[in-house]
Amino acid sequence: VGRPKNPAFLLQADELLTQFDEFDILHYFEGNVGCED
């Protein structure tokens, strides 16, 4: 839908959960944080 487009700057699904698995998760969300437009 927009920038960034470079895969080096884009997280894969659940990547933060995997990379920081020694942390207790207080909040996690993946998805649209903007609006429909």
PDB file of all heavy atoms in Angstrom:
ATOM      1  N   VAL A   1       0.803  -1.229   0.000  1.00  0.00           N
ATOM      2  CA  VAL A   1       0.000   0.000   0.000  1.00  0.00           C
ATOM      3  C   VAL A   1       0.832   1.274   0.000  1.00  0.00           C
ATOM      4  O   VAL A   1       0.285   2.370  -0.142  1.00  0.00           O
ATOM      5  CB  VAL A   1      -0.979   0.030   1.201  1.00  0.00           C
ATOM      6  CG1 VAL A   1      -1.968  -1.122   1.125  1.00  0.00           C
ATOM      7  CG2 VAL A   1      -0.242   0.028   2.530  1.00  0.00           C
ATOM      8  N   GLY A   2       2.133   1.173   0.206  1.00  0.00           N
ATOM      9  CA  GLY A   2       2.957   2.385   0.269  1.00  0.00           C
ATOM     10  C   GLY A   2       4.372   2.067   0.698  1.00  0.00           C
ATOM     11  O   GLY A   2       4.826   0.925   0.603  1.00  0.00           O
ATOM     12  N   ARG A   3       5.041   3.075   1.186  1.00  0.00           N
ATOM     13  CA  ARG A   3       6.426   2.946   1.620  1.00  0.00           C
ATOM     14  C   ARG A   3       6.494   2.638   3.109  1.00  0.00           C
ATOM     15  O   ARG A   3       5.590   3.042   3.827  1.00  0.00           O
ATOM     16  CB  ARG A   3       7.177   4.245   1.322  1.00  0.00           C
ATOM     17  CG  ARG A   3       7.297   4.465  -0.142  1.00  0.00           C
ATOM     18  CD  ARG A   3       7.998   5.771  -0.421  1.00  0.00           C
ATOM     19  NE  ARG A   3       8.294   5.822  -1.831  1.00  0.00           N
ATOM     20  CZ  ARG A   3       9.464   6.123  -2.342  1.00  0.00           C
ATOM     21  NH1 ARG A   3      10.460   6.437  -1.562  1.00  0.00           N
ATOM     22  NH2 ARG A   3       9.654   6.125  -3.625  1.00  0.00           N
ATOM     23  N   PRO A   4       7.566   2.002   3.530  1.00  0.00           N
ATOM     24  CA  PRO A   4       8.699   1.504   2.762  1.00  0.00           C
ATOM     25  C   PRO A   4       8.341   0.230   2.001  1.00  0.00           C
ATOM     26  O   PRO A   4       7.419  -0.496   2.362  1.00  0.00           O
ATOM     27  CB  PRO A   4       9.770   1.234   3.816  1.00  0.00           C
ATOM     28  CG  PRO A   4       9.019   0.974   5.066  1.00  0.00           C
ATOM     29  CD  PRO A   4       7.761   1.788   4.972  1.00  0.00           C
ATOM     30  N   LYS A   5       9.111  -0.047   0.969  1.00  0.00           N
ATOM     31  CA  LYS A   5       8.925  -1.251   0.163  1.00  0.00           C
ATOM     32  C   LYS A   5      10.111  -2.202   0.248  1.00  0.00           C
ATOM     33  O   LYS A   5       9.983  -3.372  -0.067  1.00  0.00           O
ATOM     34  CB  LYS A   5       8.680  -0.867  -1.296  1.00  0.00           C
ATOM     35  CG  LYS A   5       7.348  -0.154  -1.513  1.00  0.00           C
ATOM     36  CD  LYS A   5       7.057   0.036  -2.969  1.00  0.00           C
ATOM     37  CE  LYS A   5       5.745   0.747  -3.214  1.00  0.00           C
ATOM     38  NZ  LYS A   5       4.554   0.011  -2.816  1.00  0.00           N
ATOM     39  N   ASN A   6      11.250  -1.699   0.688  1.00  0.00           N
ATOM     40  CA  ASN A   6      12.456  -2.504   0.788  1.00  0.00           C
ATOM     41  C   ASN A   6      12.283  -3.555   1.886  1.00  0.00           C
ATOM     42  O   ASN A   6      12.036  -3.207   3.049  1.00  0.00           O
ATOM     43  CB  ASN A   6      13.651  -1.593   1.101  1.00  0.00           C
ATOM     44  CG  ASN A   6      14.963  -2.324   1.141  1.00  0.00           C
ATOM     45  OD1 ASN A   6      15.030  -3.522   1.374  1.00  0.00           O
ATOM     46  ND2 ASN A   6      16.037  -1.585   0.929  1.00  0.00           N
ATOM     47  N   PRO A   7      12.421  -4.845   1.565  1.00  0.00           N
ATOM     48  CA  PRO A   7      12.241  -5.897   2.575  1.00  0.00           C
ATOM     49  C   PRO A   7      13.174  -5.756   3.783  1.00  0.00           C
ATOM     50  O   PRO A   7      12.849  -6.246   4.860  1.00  0.00           O
ATOM     51  CB  PRO A   7      12.543  -7.197   1.817  1.00  0.00           C
ATOM     52  CG  PRO A   7      12.489  -6.852   0.378  1.00  0.00           C
ATOM     53  CD  PRO A   7      12.727  -5.376   0.245  1.00  0.00           C
ATOM     54  N   ALA A   8      14.307  -5.095   3.621  1.00  0.00           N
ATOM     55  CA  ALA A   8      15.226  -4.900   4.745  1.00  0.00           C
ATOM     56  C   ALA A   8      14.603  -4.029   5.829  1.00  0.00           C
ATOM     57  O   ALA A   8      15.024  -4.069   6.981  1.00  0.00           O
ATOM     58  CB  ALA A   8      16.532  -4.270   4.263  1.00  0.00           C
ATOM     59  N   PHE A   9      13.593  -3.238   5.467  1.00  0.00           N
ATOM     60  CA  PHE A   9      12.947  -2.330   6.409  1.00  0.00           C
ATOM     61  C   PHE A   9      11.554  -2.796   6.828  1.00  0.00           C
ATOM     62  O   PHE A   9      10.799  -2.039   7.430  1.00  0.00           O
ATOM     63  CB  PHE A   9      12.839  -0.928   5.811  1.00  0.00           C
ATOM     64  CG  PHE A   9      14.155  -0.377   5.341  1.00  0.00           C
ATOM     65  CD1 PHE A   9      14.251   0.256   4.119  1.00  0.00           C
ATOM     66  CD2 PHE A   9      15.302  -0.496   6.107  1.00  0.00           C
ATOM     67  CE1 PHE A   9      15.464   0.768   3.670  1.00  0.00           C
ATOM     68  CE2 PHE A   9      16.516   0.011   5.674  1.00  0.00           C
ATOM     69  CZ  PHE A   9      16.594   0.643   4.455  1.00  0.00           C
ATOM     70  N   LEU A  10      11.215  -4.034   6.510  1.00  0.00           N
ATOM     71  CA  LEU A  10       9.875  -4.560   6.776  1.00  0.00           C
ATOM     72  C   LEU A  10       9.955  -5.843   7.589  1.00  0.00           C
ATOM     73  O   LEU A  10      10.682  -6.780   7.223  1.00  0.00           O
ATOM     74  CB  LEU A  10       9.143  -4.827   5.456  1.00  0.00           C
ATOM     75  CG  LEU A  10       8.946  -3.624   4.549  1.00  0.00           C
ATOM     76  CD1 LEU A  10       8.462  -4.059   3.172  1.00  0.00           C
ATOM     77  CD2 LEU A  10       7.992  -2.631   5.168  1.00  0.00           C
ATOM     78  N   LEU A  11       9.210  -5.895   8.664  1.00  0.00           N
ATOM     79  CA  LEU A  11       9.169  -7.088   9.509  1.00  0.00           C
ATOM     80  C   LEU A  11       8.369  -8.202   8.852  1.00  0.00           C
ATOM     81  O   LEU A  11       7.319  -7.955   8.247  1.00  0.00           O
ATOM     82  CB  LEU A  11       8.500  -6.759  10.843  1.00  0.00           C
ATOM     83  CG  LEU A  11       9.266  -5.894  11.818  1.00  0.00           C
ATOM     84  CD1 LEU A  11       8.345  -5.397  12.920  1.00  0.00           C
ATOM     85  CD2 LEU A  11      10.448  -6.650  12.401  1.00  0.00           C
ATOM     86  N   GLN A  12       8.838  -9.407   9.016  1.00  0.00           N
ATOM     87  CA  GLN A  12       8.078 -10.583   8.629  1.00  0.00           C
ATOM     88  C   GLN A  12       7.013 -10.839   9.703  1.00  0.00           C
ATOM     89  O   GLN A  12       7.103 -10.322  10.821  1.00  0.00           O
ATOM     90  CB  GLN A  12       9.008 -11.797   8.530  1.00  0.00           C
ATOM     91  CG  GLN A  12      10.080 -11.669   7.481  1.00  0.00           C
ATOM     92  CD  GLN A  12       9.515 -11.625   6.078  1.00  0.00           C
ATOM     93  OE1 GLN A  12       8.587 -12.365   5.743  1.00  0.00           O
ATOM     94  NE2 GLN A  12      10.049 -10.729   5.261  1.00  0.00           N
ATOM     95  N   ALA A  13       6.023 -11.647   9.381  1.00  0.00           N
ATOM     96  CA  ALA A  13       4.976 -11.988  10.345  1.00  0.00           C
ATOM     97  C   ALA A  13       5.607 -12.579  11.608  1.00  0.00           C
ATOM     98  O   ALA A  13       6.485 -13.445  11.523  1.00  0.00           O
ATOM     99  CB  ALA A  13       3.996 -12.981   9.725  1.00  0.00           C
ATOM    100  N   ASP A  14       5.205 -12.082  12.747  1.00  0.00           N
ATOM    101  CA  ASP A  14       5.644 -12.556  14.073  1.00  0.00           C
ATOM    102  C   ASP A  14       7.146 -12.416  14.325  1.00  0.00           C
ATOM    103  O   ASP A  14       7.676 -13.016  15.261  1.00  0.00           O
ATOM    104  CB  ASP A  14       5.233 -14.019  14.308  1.00  0.00           C
ATOM    105  CG  ASP A  14       3.731 -14.197  14.363  1.00  0.00           C
ATOM    106  OD1 ASP A  14       3.035 -13.246  14.768  1.00  0.00           O
ATOM    107  OD2 ASP A  14       3.255 -15.285  13.997  1.00  0.00           O
ATOM    108  N   GLU A  15       7.845 -11.625  13.530  1.00  0.00           N
ATOM    109  CA  GLU A  15       9.296 -11.519  13.685  1.00  0.00           C
ATOM    110  C   GLU A  15       9.695 -10.947  15.044  1.00  0.00           C
ATOM    111  O   GLU A  15      10.642 -11.434  15.671  1.00  0.00           O
ATOM    112  CB  GLU A  15       9.896 -10.668  12.569  1.00  0.00           C
ATOM    113  CG  GLU A  15      11.398 -10.642  12.581  1.00  0.00           C
ATOM    114  CD  GLU A  15      12.020  -9.971  11.362  1.00  0.00           C
ATOM    115  OE1 GLU A  15      11.285  -9.532  10.458  1.00  0.00           O
ATOM    116  OE2 GLU A  15      13.265  -9.887  11.328  1.00  0.00           O
ATOM    117  N   LEU A  16       8.998  -9.924  15.521  1.00  0.00           N
ATOM    118  CA  LEU A  16       9.347  -9.372  16.836  1.00  0.00           C
ATOM    119  C   LEU A  16       9.094 -10.390  17.947  1.00  0.00           C
ATOM    120  O   LEU A  16       9.861 -10.479  18.906  1.00  0.00           O
ATOM    121  CB  LEU A  16       8.582  -8.077  17.105  1.00  0.00           C
ATOM    122  CG  LEU A  16       8.984  -6.862  16.265  1.00  0.00           C
ATOM    123  CD1 LEU A  16       8.109  -5.665  16.602  1.00  0.00           C
ATOM    124  CD2 LEU A  16      10.453  -6.516  16.465  1.00  0.00           C
ATOM    125  N   LEU A  17       8.024 -11.165  17.813  1.00  0.00           N
ATOM    126  CA  LEU A  17       7.743 -12.201  18.813  1.00  0.00           C
ATOM    127  C   LEU A  17       8.862 -13.232  18.852  1.00  0.00           C
ATOM    128  O   LEU A  17       9.278 -13.687  19.923  1.00  0.00           O
ATOM    129  CB  LEU A  17       6.419 -12.899  18.499  1.00  0.00           C
ATOM    130  CG  LEU A  17       5.158 -12.075  18.687  1.00  0.00           C
ATOM    131  CD1 LEU A  17       3.949 -12.853  18.204  1.00  0.00           C
ATOM    132  CD2 LEU A  17       4.991 -11.653  20.136  1.00  0.00           C
ATOM    133  N   THR A  18       9.358 -13.593  17.702  1.00  0.00           N
ATOM    134  CA  THR A  18      10.432 -14.581  17.612  1.00  0.00           C
ATOM    135  C   THR A  18      11.750 -14.013  18.125  1.00  0.00           C
ATOM    136  O   THR A  18      12.457 -14.659  18.908  1.00  0.00           O
ATOM    137  CB  THR A  18      10.598 -15.047  16.146  1.00  0.00           C
ATOM    138  OG1 THR A  18       9.358 -15.585  15.698  1.00  0.00           O
ATOM    139  CG2 THR A  18      11.694 -16.081  16.018  1.00  0.00           C
ATOM    140  N   GLN A  19      12.086 -12.805  17.701  1.00  0.00           N
ATOM    141  CA  GLN A  19      13.368 -12.212  18.069  1.00  0.00           C
ATOM    142  C   GLN A  19      13.463 -11.875  19.555  1.00  0.00           C
ATOM    143  O   GLN A  19      14.538 -11.923  20.134  1.00  0.00           O
ATOM    144  CB  GLN A  19      13.633 -10.949  17.242  1.00  0.00           C
ATOM    145  CG  GLN A  19      13.940 -11.234  15.805  1.00  0.00           C
ATOM    146  CD  GLN A  19      15.211 -12.034  15.631  1.00  0.00           C
ATOM    147  OE1 GLN A  19      16.187 -11.864  16.352  1.00  0.00           O
ATOM    148  NE2 GLN A  19      15.205 -12.941  14.673  1.00  0.00           N
ATOM    149  N   PHE A  20      12.347 -11.501  20.156  1.00  0.00           N
ATOM    150  CA  PHE A  20      12.347 -11.077  21.557  1.00  0.00           C
ATOM    151  C   PHE A  20      11.538 -12.056  22.417  1.00  0.00           C
ATOM    152  O   PHE A  20      10.762 -11.658  23.276  1.00  0.00           O
ATOM    153  CB  PHE A  20      11.830  -9.635  21.663  1.00  0.00           C
ATOM    154  CG  PHE A  20      12.725  -8.656  20.957  1.00  0.00           C
ATOM    155  CD1 PHE A  20      12.415  -8.206  19.683  1.00  0.00           C
ATOM    156  CD2 PHE A  20      13.909  -8.227  21.548  1.00  0.00           C
ATOM    157  CE1 PHE A  20      13.262  -7.328  19.011  1.00  0.00           C
ATOM    158  CE2 PHE A  20      14.758  -7.348  20.885  1.00  0.00           C
ATOM    159  CZ  PHE A  20      14.433  -6.901  19.610  1.00  0.00           C
ATOM    160  N   ASP A  21      11.780 -13.351  22.188  1.00  0.00           N
ATOM    161  CA  ASP A  21      11.003 -14.376  22.884  1.00  0.00           C
ATOM    162  C   ASP A  21      11.359 -14.512  24.367  1.00  0.00           C
ATOM    163  O   ASP A  21      10.644 -15.170  25.112  1.00  0.00           O
ATOM    164  CB  ASP A  21      11.117 -15.726  22.173  1.00  0.00           C
ATOM    165  CG  ASP A  21      12.535 -16.267  22.107  1.00  0.00           C
ATOM    166  OD1 ASP A  21      13.488 -15.537  22.468  1.00  0.00           O
ATOM    167  OD2 ASP A  21      12.697 -17.430  21.691  1.00  0.00           O
ATOM    168  N   GLU A  22      12.450 -13.867  24.820  1.00  0.00           N
ATOM    169  CA  GLU A  22      12.775 -13.907  26.244  1.00  0.00           C
ATOM    170  C   GLU A  22      12.089 -12.771  27.012  1.00  0.00           C
ATOM    171  O   GLU A  22      12.351 -12.569  28.189  1.00  0.00           O
ATOM    172  CB  GLU A  22      14.285 -13.886  26.489  1.00  0.00           C
ATOM    173  CG  GLU A  22      14.976 -12.637  26.032  1.00  0.00           C
ATOM    174  CD  GLU A  22      15.437 -12.684  24.570  1.00  0.00           C
ATOM    175  OE1 GLU A  22      15.035 -13.570  23.816  1.00  0.00           O
ATOM    176  OE2 GLU A  22      16.191 -11.795  24.190  1.00  0.00           O
ATOM    177  N   PHE A  23      11.210 -12.052  26.344  1.00  0.00           N
ATOM    178  CA  PHE A  23      10.417 -10.999  26.973  1.00  0.00           C
ATOM    179  C   PHE A  23       8.998 -11.515  27.187  1.00  0.00           C
ATOM    180  O   PHE A  23       8.471 -12.268  26.371  1.00  0.00           O
ATOM    181  CB  PHE A  23      10.346  -9.761  26.066  1.00  0.00           C
ATOM    182  CG  PHE A  23      11.613  -8.956  26.010  1.00  0.00           C
ATOM    183  CD1 PHE A  23      12.752  -9.447  25.397  1.00  0.00           C
ATOM    184  CD2 PHE A  23      11.660  -7.679  26.553  1.00  0.00           C
ATOM    185  CE1 PHE A  23      13.922  -8.697  25.331  1.00  0.00           C
ATOM    186  CE2 PHE A  23      12.822  -6.926  26.497  1.00  0.00           C
ATOM    187  CZ  PHE A  23      13.949  -7.434  25.887  1.00  0.00           C
ATOM    188  N   ASP A  24       8.391 -11.094  28.300  1.00  0.00           N
ATOM    189  CA  ASP A  24       6.973 -11.376  28.512  1.00  0.00           C
ATOM    190  C   ASP A  24       6.183 -10.346  27.716  1.00  0.00           C
ATOM    191  O   ASP A  24       6.421  -9.137  27.837  1.00  0.00           O
ATOM    192  CB  ASP A  24       6.616 -11.290  30.002  1.00  0.00           C
ATOM    193  CG  ASP A  24       7.244 -12.422  30.795  1.00  0.00           C
ATOM    194  OD1 ASP A  24       7.336 -13.550  30.271  1.00  0.00           O
ATOM    195  OD2 ASP A  24       7.648 -12.172  31.947  1.00  0.00           O
ATOM    196  N   ILE A  25       5.246 -10.803  26.927  1.00  0.00           N
ATOM    197  CA  ILE A  25       4.491  -9.935  26.041  1.00  0.00           C
ATOM    198  C   ILE A  25       3.380  -9.232  26.827  1.00  0.00           C
ATOM    199  O   ILE A  25       2.505  -9.872  27.401  1.00  0.00           O
ATOM    200  CB  ILE A  25       3.864 -10.729  24.871  1.00  0.00           C
ATOM    201  CG1 ILE A  25       4.912 -11.566  24.145  1.00  0.00           C
ATOM    202  CG2 ILE A  25       3.132  -9.794  23.913  1.00  0.00           C
ATOM    203  CD1 ILE A  25       6.129 -10.822  23.689  1.00  0.00           C
ATOM    204  N   LEU A  26       3.431  -7.901  26.834  1.00  0.00           N
ATOM    205  CA  LEU A  26       2.384  -7.105  27.466  1.00  0.00           C
ATOM    206  C   LEU A  26       1.367  -6.630  26.432  1.00  0.00           C
ATOM    207  O   LEU A  26       0.206  -6.406  26.762  1.00  0.00           O
ATOM    208  CB  LEU A  26       3.004  -5.903  28.188  1.00  0.00           C
ATOM    209  CG  LEU A  26       4.080  -6.234  29.220  1.00  0.00           C
ATOM    210  CD1 LEU A  26       4.643  -4.963  29.841  1.00  0.00           C
ATOM    211  CD2 LEU A  26       3.531  -7.158  30.296  1.00  0.00           C
ATOM    212  N   HIS A  27       1.829  -6.461  25.210  1.00  0.00           N
ATOM    213  CA  HIS A  27       0.948  -6.075  24.097  1.00  0.00           C
ATOM    214  C   HIS A  27       1.613  -6.503  22.800  1.00  0.00           C
ATOM    215  O   HIS A  27       2.822  -6.326  22.635  1.00  0.00           O
ATOM    216  CB  HIS A  27       0.734  -4.552  24.074  1.00  0.00           C
ATOM    217  CG  HIS A  27       0.085  -4.068  22.806  1.00  0.00           C
ATOM    218  ND1 HIS A  27      -1.260  -4.214  22.564  1.00  0.00           N
ATOM    219  CD2 HIS A  27       0.608  -3.462  21.701  1.00  0.00           C
ATOM    220  CE1 HIS A  27      -1.542  -3.693  21.369  1.00  0.00           C
ATOM    221  NE2 HIS A  27      -0.417  -3.240  20.824  1.00  0.00           N
ATOM    222  N   TYR A  28       0.826  -7.086  21.894  1.00  0.00           N
ATOM    223  CA  TYR A  28       1.324  -7.387  20.559  1.00  0.00           C
ATOM    224  C   TYR A  28       0.187  -7.252  19.570  1.00  0.00           C
ATOM    225  O   TYR A  28      -0.925  -7.711  19.817  1.00  0.00           O
ATOM    226  CB  TYR A  28       1.926  -8.796  20.461  1.00  0.00           C
ATOM    227  CG  TYR A  28       2.661  -8.959  19.155  1.00  0.00           C
ATOM    228  CD1 TYR A  28       3.932  -8.415  18.991  1.00  0.00           C
ATOM    229  CD2 TYR A  28       2.081  -9.595  18.075  1.00  0.00           C
ATOM    230  CE1 TYR A  28       4.605  -8.507  17.792  1.00  0.00           C
ATOM    231  CE2 TYR A  28       2.748  -9.696  16.867  1.00  0.00           C
ATOM    232  CZ  TYR A  28       4.011  -9.148  16.730  1.00  0.00           C
ATOM    233  OH  TYR A  28       4.670  -9.218  15.538  1.00  0.00           O
ATOM    234  N   PHE A  29       0.494  -6.606  18.450  1.00  0.00           N
ATOM    235  CA  PHE A  29      -0.490  -6.441  17.380  1.00  0.00           C
ATOM    236  C   PHE A  29       0.250  -6.351  16.063  1.00  0.00           C
ATOM    237  O   PHE A  29       1.297  -5.717  15.976  1.00  0.00           O
ATOM    238  CB  PHE A  29      -1.306  -5.155  17.596  1.00  0.00           C
ATOM    239  CG  PHE A  29      -2.227  -4.840  16.444  1.00  0.00           C
ATOM    240  CD1 PHE A  29      -3.426  -5.508  16.312  1.00  0.00           C
ATOM    241  CD2 PHE A  29      -1.872  -3.902  15.481  1.00  0.00           C
ATOM    242  CE1 PHE A  29      -4.276  -5.241  15.245  1.00  0.00           C
ATOM    243  CE2 PHE A  29      -2.715  -3.618  14.414  1.00  0.00           C
ATOM    244  CZ  PHE A  29      -3.919  -4.292  14.299  1.00  0.00           C
ATOM    245  N   GLU A  30      -0.291  -6.999  15.051  1.00  0.00           N
ATOM    246  CA  GLU A  30       0.173  -6.837  13.673  1.00  0.00           C
ATOM    247  C   GLU A  30      -1.041  -6.556  12.825  1.00  0.00           C
ATOM    248  O   GLU A  30      -2.022  -7.287  12.870  1.00  0.00           O
ATOM    249  CB  GLU A  30       0.851  -8.106  13.157  1.00  0.00           C
ATOM    250  CG  GLU A  30       2.269  -8.268  13.576  1.00  0.00           C
ATOM    251  CD  GLU A  30       2.962  -9.436  12.890  1.00  0.00           C
ATOM    252  OE1 GLU A  30       2.648  -9.750  11.727  1.00  0.00           O
ATOM    253  OE2 GLU A  30       3.839 -10.020  13.537  1.00  0.00           O
ATOM    254  N   GLY A  31      -0.964  -5.485  12.048  1.00  0.00           N
ATOM    255  CA  GLY A  31      -2.083  -5.172  11.169  1.00  0.00           C
ATOM    256  C   GLY A  31      -2.120  -3.696  10.846  1.00  0.00           C
ATOM    257  O   GLY A  31      -1.140  -2.969  11.005  1.00  0.00           O
ATOM    258  N   ASN A  32      -3.294  -3.262  10.421  1.00  0.00           N
ATOM    259  CA  ASN A  32      -3.500  -1.887   9.985  1.00  0.00           C
ATOM    260  C   ASN A  32      -3.676  -0.969  11.194  1.00  0.00           C
ATOM    261  O   ASN A  32      -4.628  -1.112  11.950  1.00  0.00           O
ATOM    262  CB  ASN A  32      -4.735  -1.819   9.085  1.00  0.00           C
ATOM    263  CG  ASN A  32      -5.007  -0.444   8.538  1.00  0.00           C
ATOM    264  OD1 ASN A  32      -4.212   0.484   8.703  1.00  0.00           O
ATOM    265  ND2 ASN A  32      -6.137  -0.292   7.866  1.00  0.00           N
ATOM    266  N   VAL A  33      -2.759  -0.033  11.364  1.00  0.00           N
ATOM    267  CA  VAL A  33      -2.865   0.953  12.439  1.00  0.00           C
ATOM    268  C   VAL A  33      -3.302   2.309  11.889  1.00  0.00           C
ATOM    269  O   VAL A  33      -3.413   3.273  12.632  1.00  0.00           O
ATOM    270  CB  VAL A  33      -1.542   1.107  13.231  1.00  0.00           C
ATOM    271  CG1 VAL A  33      -1.178  -0.192  13.926  1.00  0.00           C
ATOM    272  CG2 VAL A  33      -0.410   1.587  12.345  1.00  0.00           C
ATOM    273  N   GLY A  34      -3.553   2.359  10.587  1.00  0.00           N
ATOM    274  CA  GLY A  34      -4.019   3.592   9.940  1.00  0.00           C
ATOM    275  C   GLY A  34      -5.541   3.580   9.884  1.00  0.00           C
ATOM    276  O   GLY A  34      -6.219   3.341  10.868  1.00  0.00           O
ATOM    277  N   CYS A  35      -6.064   3.803   8.711  1.00  0.00           N
ATOM    278  CA  CYS A  35      -7.506   3.769   8.508  1.00  0.00           C
ATOM    279  C   CYS A  35      -7.773   3.056   7.187  1.00  0.00           C
ATOM    280  O   CYS A  35      -6.851   2.642   6.491  1.00  0.00           O
ATOM    281  CB  CYS A  35      -8.082   5.185   8.515  1.00  0.00           C
ATOM    282  SG  CYS A  35      -7.427   6.232   7.197  1.00  0.00           S
ATOM    283  N   GLU A  36      -9.046   2.928   6.822  1.00  0.00           N
ATOM    284  CA  GLU A  36      -9.377   2.242   5.571  1.00  0.00           C
ATOM    285  C   GLU A  36      -8.892   3.023   4.354  1.00  0.00           C
ATOM    286  O   GLU A  36      -8.452   2.438   3.380  1.00  0.00           O
ATOM    287  CB  GLU A  36     -10.876   2.002   5.492  1.00  0.00           C
ATOM    288  CG  GLU A  36     -11.354   0.960   6.480  1.00  0.00           C
ATOM    289  CD  GLU A  36     -12.843   0.735   6.406  1.00  0.00           C
ATOM    290  OE1 GLU A  36     -13.460   1.057   5.379  1.00  0.00           O
ATOM    291  OE2 GLU A  36     -13.390   0.228   7.387  1.00  0.00           O
ATOM    292  N   ASP A  37      -8.972   4.358   4.415  1.00  0.00           N
ATOM    293  CA  ASP A  37      -8.548   5.178   3.280  1.00  0.00           C
ATOM    294  C   ASP A  37      -7.037   5.184   3.110  1.00  0.00           C
ATOM    295  O   ASP A  37      -6.536   5.208   1.990  1.00  0.00           O
ATOM    296  CB  ASP A  37      -9.041   6.614   3.444  1.00  0.00           C
ATOM    297  CG  ASP A  37     -10.555   6.704   3.387  1.00  0.00           C
ATOM    298  OD1 ASP A  37     -11.172   5.820   2.753  1.00  0.00           O
ATOM    299  OD2 ASP A  37     -11.116   7.645   3.972  1.00  0.00           O
TER     300      ASP A  37
END
